[in-house]
Amino acid sequence: MIVTSNQTIHATAVLVGARALLIRGASGSGKTTLALRLIAASEQGLLPFARLVADDRVYLDVAGDRLIARVPEPIAGMIEVRGEGIRHIPYEQCAVVGWVTDLASPDAERMPETTITAEISGIRLPRYAFPSCADPLPVLLAALRVA
């Protein structure tokens, strides 16, 4: 049973394998760029599968102990490529969120001593935080391939 939390957040969600990566960050922090790079990595065989769920706005629902990311219907399959405009790409309607990444995060540590987590709507998820100067793709490729 899905309990709708009626929560819409400014984020991008990408299904990677069987779980979605929820990418958070301020406007211009690279959420869409990271999503496109993950999808390209999948097309190059670096990840088993990656597909857009939602870009810029994500609906979040809770189902039991799972957080579900859904695309708002008006933007389904749309992704904004900065400087080029809106593009239409294959997408998934929804996915279970497995990880959270925060871009341009002020609390990002170079070598965190413990696994960091994020809590969203009462659901605790593994969290990857990156400072604005860091390229998150190599770390995420390594982490998501073993997950």
Foldseek 3Di string as FASTA:
>chain_A
DKDFPQDKDFWWWKDFPQAIETEDEDPPLCRLVLLVVSQVCCVVVLGVHIFTFEHGMWGWIDDPQWIKTAYDVVQPQWGQDPPPGIDGDDHDGMHTHAEYEYGQDPPADPDDPDFDWDADPNHIHGYHYDRSVDDCVVVCSVVSRVD
